[in-house]
Amino acid sequence: MTKTIILATHNKGKIREFREMLIPLGYAVQSVYEVIPDIAEPKETGHSFEENAYLKAVYYMKQTGQPCLADDSGIIADALQNRPGIFSARYAGDDCDDEKNNQKLIRELARFPAEKRTGRYVCVLVLVWPDGHYITAKGTCEGVLRDFYSGTGGFGYDPLFYLPEKGKSMAELTGEEKNTISHRGKALRKLVEYLR
């Protein structure tokens, strides 16, 4: 019997990454918006990536009655006292997009020299079952936040996020390379180990 996992996202990039890792384990993987197209999103009232991921996973699990996988992820700039952090997706306001978020980050980092622009991507995954038990997995990826775009792959802050050991931005990596080193890839591999 095929096991189903509902993904608490409509982000096509995330859906693709989750499917690549979970389908080989025998899971049917659907976005919650494929199951309930007009579902309302929960308010992200948590104070950490972990709290927000858990809140989303429980909310969508209750709506669908299926195991639900949610993530909360974002980028942290050391020079900005760990911002954008949990506000990464709406850093430039509620009606923002990737471009507006990236431009705000560039503006805020402009006063810092290049060597102070270190940071990391963080991803926390929470998978909740209808019986209430859940597992969490966390991944991070260290890098440097640059003030210019490089690469056309990925999404979000990827064109600004430079990986010195690769000599590339996150947006210049192939999907396979990104899954190997990204915060979400690392968290997903931990989750996959739990599920095996």
C-alpha atoms as a PDB file:
ATOM      1  CA  MET A   1       0.000   0.000   0.000  1.00  0.00           C
ATOM      2  CA  THR A   2       1.352   3.424  -0.960  1.00  0.00           C
ATOM      3  CA  LYS A   3       1.967   5.764   1.925  1.00  0.00           C
ATOM      4  CA  THR A   4       1.012   9.408   1.432  1.00  0.00           C
ATOM      5  CA  ILE A   5       2.752  12.520   2.692  1.00  0.00           C
ATOM      6  CA  ILE A   6       1.128  15.912   2.263  1.00  0.00           C
ATOM      7  CA  LEU A   7       3.517  18.830   1.769  1.00  0.00           C
ATOM      8  CA  ALA A   8       2.545  22.047   3.519  1.00  0.00           C
ATOM      9  CA  THR A   9       3.773  24.309   0.716  1.00  0.00           C
ATOM     10  CA  HIS A  10       2.878  25.669  -2.694  1.00  0.00           C
ATOM     11  CA  ASN A  11       6.507  26.572  -3.463  1.00  0.00           C
ATOM     12  CA  LYS A  12       7.307  24.611  -6.636  1.00  0.00           C
ATOM     13  CA  GLY A  13      11.021  24.504  -5.843  1.00  0.00           C
ATOM     14  CA  LYS A  14      10.431  22.943  -2.439  1.00  0.00           C
ATOM     15  CA  ILE A  15       7.863  20.494  -3.807  1.00  0.00           C
ATOM     16  CA  ARG A  16      10.357  19.310  -6.429  1.00  0.00           C
ATOM     17  CA  GLU A  17      13.122  18.844  -3.822  1.00  0.00           C
ATOM     18  CA  PHE A  18      10.823  16.945  -1.430  1.00  0.00           C
ATOM     19  CA  ARG A  19       9.511  14.660  -4.176  1.00  0.00           C
ATOM     20  CA  GLU A  20      13.029  13.812  -5.383  1.00  0.00           C
ATOM     21  CA  MET A  21      13.907  12.517  -1.907  1.00  0.00           C
ATOM     22  CA  LEU A  22      10.630  10.926  -0.756  1.00  0.00           C
ATOM     23  CA  ILE A  23       9.203   9.192  -3.836  1.00  0.00           C
ATOM     24  CA  PRO A  24      12.105   6.674  -3.947  1.00  0.00           C
ATOM     25  CA  LEU A  25      11.070   5.616  -0.399  1.00  0.00           C
ATOM     26  CA  GLY A  26       7.643   4.610  -1.729  1.00  0.00           C
ATOM     27  CA  TYR A  27       5.676   7.679  -0.687  1.00  0.00           C
ATOM     28  CA  ALA A  28       2.983   9.376  -2.729  1.00  0.00           C
ATOM     29  CA  VAL A  29       3.824  13.047  -2.281  1.00  0.00           C
ATOM     30  CA  GLN A  30       1.214  15.766  -2.828  1.00  0.00           C
ATOM     31  CA  SER A  31       1.117  19.461  -2.104  1.00  0.00           C
ATOM     32  CA  VAL A  32      -1.712  20.378   0.248  1.00  0.00           C
ATOM     33  CA  TYR A  33      -2.950  22.719  -2.501  1.00  0.00           C
ATOM     34  CA  GLU A  34      -3.455  19.736  -4.808  1.00  0.00           C
ATOM     35  CA  VAL A  35      -5.653  18.171  -2.112  1.00  0.00           C
ATOM     36  CA  ILE A  36      -7.505  21.288  -0.896  1.00  0.00           C
ATOM     37  CA  PRO A  37      -6.898  24.046  -3.487  1.00  0.00           C
ATOM     38  CA  ASP A  38      -8.515  26.878  -1.544  1.00  0.00           C
ATOM     39  CA  ILE A  39      -7.164  26.015   1.904  1.00  0.00           C
ATOM     40  CA  ALA A  40      -6.337  28.991   4.114  1.00  0.00           C
ATOM     41  CA  GLU A  41      -2.779  29.292   5.397  1.00  0.00           C
ATOM     42  CA  PRO A  42      -2.163  29.228   9.148  1.00  0.00           C
ATOM     43  CA  LYS A  43      -0.641  32.238  10.865  1.00  0.00           C
ATOM     44  CA  GLU A  44       3.061  31.659  11.530  1.00  0.00           C
ATOM     45  CA  THR A  45       3.094  32.802  15.143  1.00  0.00           C
ATOM     46  CA  GLY A  46       6.093  30.765  16.294  1.00  0.00           C
ATOM     47  CA  HIS A  47       9.309  32.360  17.536  1.00  0.00           C
ATOM     48  CA  SER A  48      11.634  29.873  15.856  1.00  0.00           C
ATOM     49  CA  PHE A  49      11.931  27.816  12.682  1.00  0.00           C
ATOM     50  CA  GLU A  50      11.008  24.729  14.746  1.00  0.00           C
ATOM     51  CA  GLU A  51       7.822  26.256  16.185  1.00  0.00           C
ATOM     52  CA  ASN A  52       6.606  27.511  12.807  1.00  0.00           C
ATOM     53  CA  ALA A  53       7.261  24.196  11.044  1.00  0.00           C
ATOM     54  CA  TYR A  54       5.414  22.267  13.772  1.00  0.00           C
ATOM     55  CA  LEU A  55       2.485  24.704  13.726  1.00  0.00           C
ATOM     56  CA  LYS A  56       2.104  24.365   9.923  1.00  0.00           C
ATOM     57  CA  ALA A  57       2.463  20.576   9.936  1.00  0.00           C
ATOM     58  CA  VAL A  58      -0.209  20.112  12.629  1.00  0.00           C
ATOM     59  CA  TYR A  59      -2.598  22.559  10.956  1.00  0.00           C
ATOM     60  CA  TYR A  60      -2.450  20.879   7.528  1.00  0.00           C
ATOM     61  CA  MET A  61      -2.476  17.367   9.025  1.00  0.00           C
ATOM     62  CA  LYS A  62      -5.745  18.224  10.789  1.00  0.00           C
ATOM     63  CA  GLN A  63      -7.203  19.653   7.565  1.00  0.00           C
ATOM     64  CA  THR A  64      -6.278  16.641   5.407  1.00  0.00           C
ATOM     65  CA  GLY A  65      -6.236  13.746   7.895  1.00  0.00           C
ATOM     66  CA  GLN A  66      -2.916  12.638   6.347  1.00  0.00           C
ATOM     67  CA  PRO A  67       0.705  12.718   7.527  1.00  0.00           C
ATOM     68  CA  CYS A  68       1.951  16.206   6.795  1.00  0.00           C
ATOM     69  CA  LEU A  69       5.465  17.513   6.212  1.00  0.00           C
ATOM     70  CA  ALA A  70       6.128  21.202   6.786  1.00  0.00           C
ATOM     71  CA  ASP A  71       9.311  23.157   6.730  1.00  0.00           C
ATOM     72  CA  ASP A  72      10.306  26.512   7.988  1.00  0.00           C
ATOM     73  CA  SER A  73      13.456  27.805   6.493  1.00  0.00           C
ATOM     74  CA  GLY A  74      15.244  31.022   5.899  1.00  0.00           C
ATOM     75  CA  ILE A  75      18.480  32.861   5.759  1.00  0.00           C
ATOM     76  CA  ILE A  76      20.419  34.340   8.644  1.00  0.00           C
ATOM     77  CA  ALA A  77      22.912  37.190   8.242  1.00  0.00           C
ATOM     78  CA  ASP A  78      25.362  37.298  11.141  1.00  0.00           C
ATOM     79  CA  ALA A  79      25.878  41.066  10.749  1.00  0.00           C
ATOM     80  CA  LEU A  80      22.133  41.670  11.041  1.00  0.00           C
ATOM     81  CA  GLN A  81      21.773  39.886  14.393  1.00  0.00           C
ATOM     82  CA  ASN A  82      20.353  36.751  12.733  1.00  0.00           C
ATOM     83  CA  ARG A  83      17.817  38.513  10.526  1.00  0.00           C
ATOM     84  CA  PRO A  84      15.899  37.900   8.282  1.00  0.00           C
ATOM     85  CA  GLY A  85      15.549  34.531  10.095  1.00  0.00           C
ATOM     86  CA  ILE A  86      11.958  33.365  10.462  1.00  0.00           C
ATOM     87  CA  PHE A  87      10.843  36.427   8.468  1.00  0.00           C
ATOM     88  CA  SER A  88      12.887  35.499   5.362  1.00  0.00           C
ATOM     89  CA  ALA A  89       9.869  34.837   3.117  1.00  0.00           C
ATOM     90  CA  ARG A  90       8.232  38.170   3.995  1.00  0.00           C
ATOM     91  CA  TYR A  91      11.319  40.238   4.811  1.00  0.00           C
ATOM     92  CA  ALA A  92      10.269  43.158   2.600  1.00  0.00           C
ATOM     93  CA  GLY A  93       6.634  43.059   3.775  1.00  0.00           C
ATOM     94  CA  ASP A  94       3.545  40.900   3.382  1.00  0.00           C
ATOM     95  CA  ASP A  95       3.165  41.563  -0.363  1.00  0.00           C
ATOM     96  CA  CYS A  96       6.838  41.029  -1.197  1.00  0.00           C
ATOM     97  CA  ASP A  97       8.503  38.646  -3.640  1.00  0.00           C
ATOM     98  CA  ASP A  98      12.007  37.202  -4.013  1.00  0.00           C
ATOM     99  CA  GLU A  99      13.267  40.332  -5.773  1.00  0.00           C
ATOM    100  CA  LYS A 100      12.017  42.725  -3.066  1.00  0.00           C
ATOM    101  CA  ASN A 101      13.429  40.505  -0.309  1.00  0.00           C
ATOM    102  CA  ASN A 102      16.816  40.280  -2.052  1.00  0.00           C
ATOM    103  CA  GLN A 103      16.966  44.041  -2.582  1.00  0.00           C
ATOM    104  CA  LYS A 104      16.173  44.718   1.084  1.00  0.00           C
ATOM    105  CA  LEU A 105      18.907  42.309   2.183  1.00  0.00           C
ATOM    106  CA  ILE A 106      21.427  43.990  -0.151  1.00  0.00           C
ATOM    107  CA  ARG A 107      20.492  47.435   1.254  1.00  0.00           C
ATOM    108  CA  GLU A 108      20.773  46.287   4.870  1.00  0.00           C
ATOM    109  CA  LEU A 109      24.156  44.629   4.341  1.00  0.00           C
ATOM    110  CA  ALA A 110      25.590  47.587   2.387  1.00  0.00           C
ATOM    111  CA  ARG A 111      27.113  49.157   5.512  1.00  0.00           C
ATOM    112  CA  PHE A 112      29.150  46.039   6.320  1.00  0.00           C
ATOM    113  CA  PRO A 113      32.451  45.030   4.706  1.00  0.00           C
ATOM    114  CA  ALA A 114      32.498  41.812   2.658  1.00  0.00           C
ATOM    115  CA  GLU A 115      34.209  39.792   5.411  1.00  0.00           C
ATOM    116  CA  LYS A 116      31.329  40.545   7.811  1.00  0.00           C
ATOM    117  CA  ARG A 117      28.660  39.254   5.428  1.00  0.00           C
ATOM    118  CA  THR A 118      28.736  35.660   6.585  1.00  0.00           C
ATOM    119  CA  GLY A 119      25.529  33.784   7.145  1.00  0.00           C
ATOM    120  CA  ARG A 120      23.663  30.561   6.707  1.00  0.00           C
ATOM    121  CA  TYR A 121      20.557  28.995   5.386  1.00  0.00           C
ATOM    122  CA  VAL A 122      18.547  27.089   8.019  1.00  0.00           C
ATOM    123  CA  CYS A 123      15.817  24.519   7.412  1.00  0.00           C
ATOM    124  CA  VAL A 124      13.726  22.694   9.993  1.00  0.00           C
ATOM    125  CA  LEU A 125      11.393  19.934   8.808  1.00  0.00           C
ATOM    126  CA  VAL A 126       8.539  18.567  10.895  1.00  0.00           C
ATOM    127  CA  LEU A 127       6.552  15.502   9.833  1.00  0.00           C
ATOM    128  CA  VAL A 128       3.359  14.969  11.874  1.00  0.00           C
ATOM    129  CA  TRP A 129       1.095  11.914  11.732  1.00  0.00           C
ATOM    130  CA  PRO A 130      -2.648  11.911  12.515  1.00  0.00           C
ATOM    131  CA  ASP A 131      -1.982  10.044  15.770  1.00  0.00           C
ATOM    132  CA  GLY A 132       0.036  13.054  16.959  1.00  0.00           C
ATOM    133  CA  HIS A 133       3.561  11.662  16.847  1.00  0.00           C
ATOM    134  CA  TYR A 134       6.104  13.658  14.891  1.00  0.00           C
ATOM    135  CA  ILE A 135       9.748  13.846  13.908  1.00  0.00           C
ATOM    136  CA  THR A 136      11.965  16.840  13.237  1.00  0.00           C
ATOM    137  CA  ALA A 137      15.121  17.289  11.202  1.00  0.00           C
ATOM    138  CA  LYS A 138      17.358  20.343  10.878  1.00  0.00           C
ATOM    139  CA  GLY A 139      19.942  21.318   8.298  1.00  0.00           C
ATOM    140  CA  THR A 140      22.188  24.341   7.808  1.00  0.00           C
ATOM    141  CA  CYS A 141      24.418  25.585   5.006  1.00  0.00           C
ATOM    142  CA  GLU A 142      27.146  28.179   5.637  1.00  0.00           C
ATOM    143  CA  GLY A 143      28.039  30.851   3.109  1.00  0.00           C
ATOM    144  CA  VAL A 144      28.564  34.524   2.303  1.00  0.00           C
ATOM    145  CA  LEU A 145      25.815  36.995   1.381  1.00  0.00           C
ATOM    146  CA  ARG A 146      26.918  39.005  -1.632  1.00  0.00           C
ATOM    147  CA  ASP A 147      25.436  42.236  -2.985  1.00  0.00           C
ATOM    148  CA  PHE A 148      25.052  41.067  -6.575  1.00  0.00           C
ATOM    149  CA  TYR A 149      23.206  38.248  -8.319  1.00  0.00           C
ATOM    150  CA  SER A 150      24.920  35.220  -9.765  1.00  0.00           C
ATOM    151  CA  GLY A 151      23.123  32.286 -11.388  1.00  0.00           C
ATOM    152  CA  THR A 152      19.569  31.651 -12.520  1.00  0.00           C
ATOM    153  CA  GLY A 153      18.740  28.383 -10.724  1.00  0.00           C
ATOM    154  CA  GLY A 154      17.151  27.999  -7.315  1.00  0.00           C
ATOM    155  CA  PHE A 155      14.822  30.531  -5.729  1.00  0.00           C
ATOM    156  CA  GLY A 156      14.661  32.991  -2.860  1.00  0.00           C
ATOM    157  CA  TYR A 157      18.044  34.317  -1.791  1.00  0.00           C
ATOM    158  CA  ASP A 158      20.007  31.716  -3.817  1.00  0.00           C
ATOM    159  CA  PRO A 159      21.518  34.216  -6.321  1.00  0.00           C
ATOM    160  CA  LEU A 160      23.073  36.198  -3.417  1.00  0.00           C
ATOM    161  CA  PHE A 161      24.212  33.224  -1.326  1.00  0.00           C
ATOM    162  CA  TYR A 162      27.818  32.373  -2.204  1.00  0.00           C
ATOM    163  CA  LEU A 163      29.504  29.096  -1.259  1.00  0.00           C
ATOM    164  CA  PRO A 164      33.279  29.716  -1.035  1.00  0.00           C
ATOM    165  CA  GLU A 165      34.153  25.989  -1.085  1.00  0.00           C
ATOM    166  CA  LYS A 166      32.220  25.597  -4.360  1.00  0.00           C
ATOM    167  CA  GLY A 167      33.212  28.918  -5.908  1.00  0.00           C
ATOM    168  CA  LYS A 168      29.559  29.356  -6.887  1.00  0.00           C
ATOM    169  CA  SER A 169      26.346  30.889  -5.649  1.00  0.00           C
ATOM    170  CA  MET A 170      23.529  28.572  -4.603  1.00  0.00           C
ATOM    171  CA  ALA A 171      21.732  29.641  -7.817  1.00  0.00           C
ATOM    172  CA  GLU A 172      24.649  28.346  -9.935  1.00  0.00           C
ATOM    173  CA  LEU A 173      24.466  24.789  -8.601  1.00  0.00           C
ATOM    174  CA  THR A 174      22.763  21.924 -10.406  1.00  0.00           C
ATOM    175  CA  GLY A 175      19.786  20.374  -8.619  1.00  0.00           C
ATOM    176  CA  GLU A 176      21.951  17.415  -7.652  1.00  0.00           C
ATOM    177  CA  GLU A 177      24.725  19.636  -6.246  1.00  0.00           C
ATOM    178  CA  LYS A 178      22.203  21.714  -4.323  1.00  0.00           C
ATOM    179  CA  ASN A 179      20.547  18.663  -2.762  1.00  0.00           C
ATOM    180  CA  THR A 180      23.982  17.510  -1.568  1.00  0.00           C
ATOM    181  CA  ILE A 181      24.936  20.658   0.317  1.00  0.00           C
ATOM    182  CA  SER A 182      21.811  22.733   0.896  1.00  0.00           C
ATOM    183  CA  HIS A 183      20.137  23.231   4.255  1.00  0.00           C
ATOM    184  CA  ARG A 184      16.967  21.584   2.947  1.00  0.00           C
ATOM    185  CA  GLY A 185      18.920  18.710   1.395  1.00  0.00           C
ATOM    186  CA  LYS A 186      20.697  18.046   4.707  1.00  0.00           C
ATOM    187  CA  ALA A 187      17.451  18.189   6.688  1.00  0.00           C
ATOM    188  CA  LEU A 188      15.721  15.952   4.126  1.00  0.00           C
ATOM    189  CA  ARG A 189      18.489  13.334   4.319  1.00  0.00           C
ATOM    190  CA  LYS A 190      18.120  13.238   8.105  1.00  0.00           C
ATOM    191  CA  LEU A 191      14.362  12.853   7.690  1.00  0.00           C
ATOM    192  CA  VAL A 192      14.844  10.088   5.115  1.00  0.00           C
ATOM    193  CA  GLU A 193      17.099   8.216   7.583  1.00  0.00           C
ATOM    194  CA  TYR A 194      14.328   8.404  10.205  1.00  0.00           C
ATOM    195  CA  LEU A 195      11.790   7.094   7.675  1.00  0.00           C
ATOM    196  CA  ARG A 196      13.823   4.159   6.331  1.00  0.00           C
END
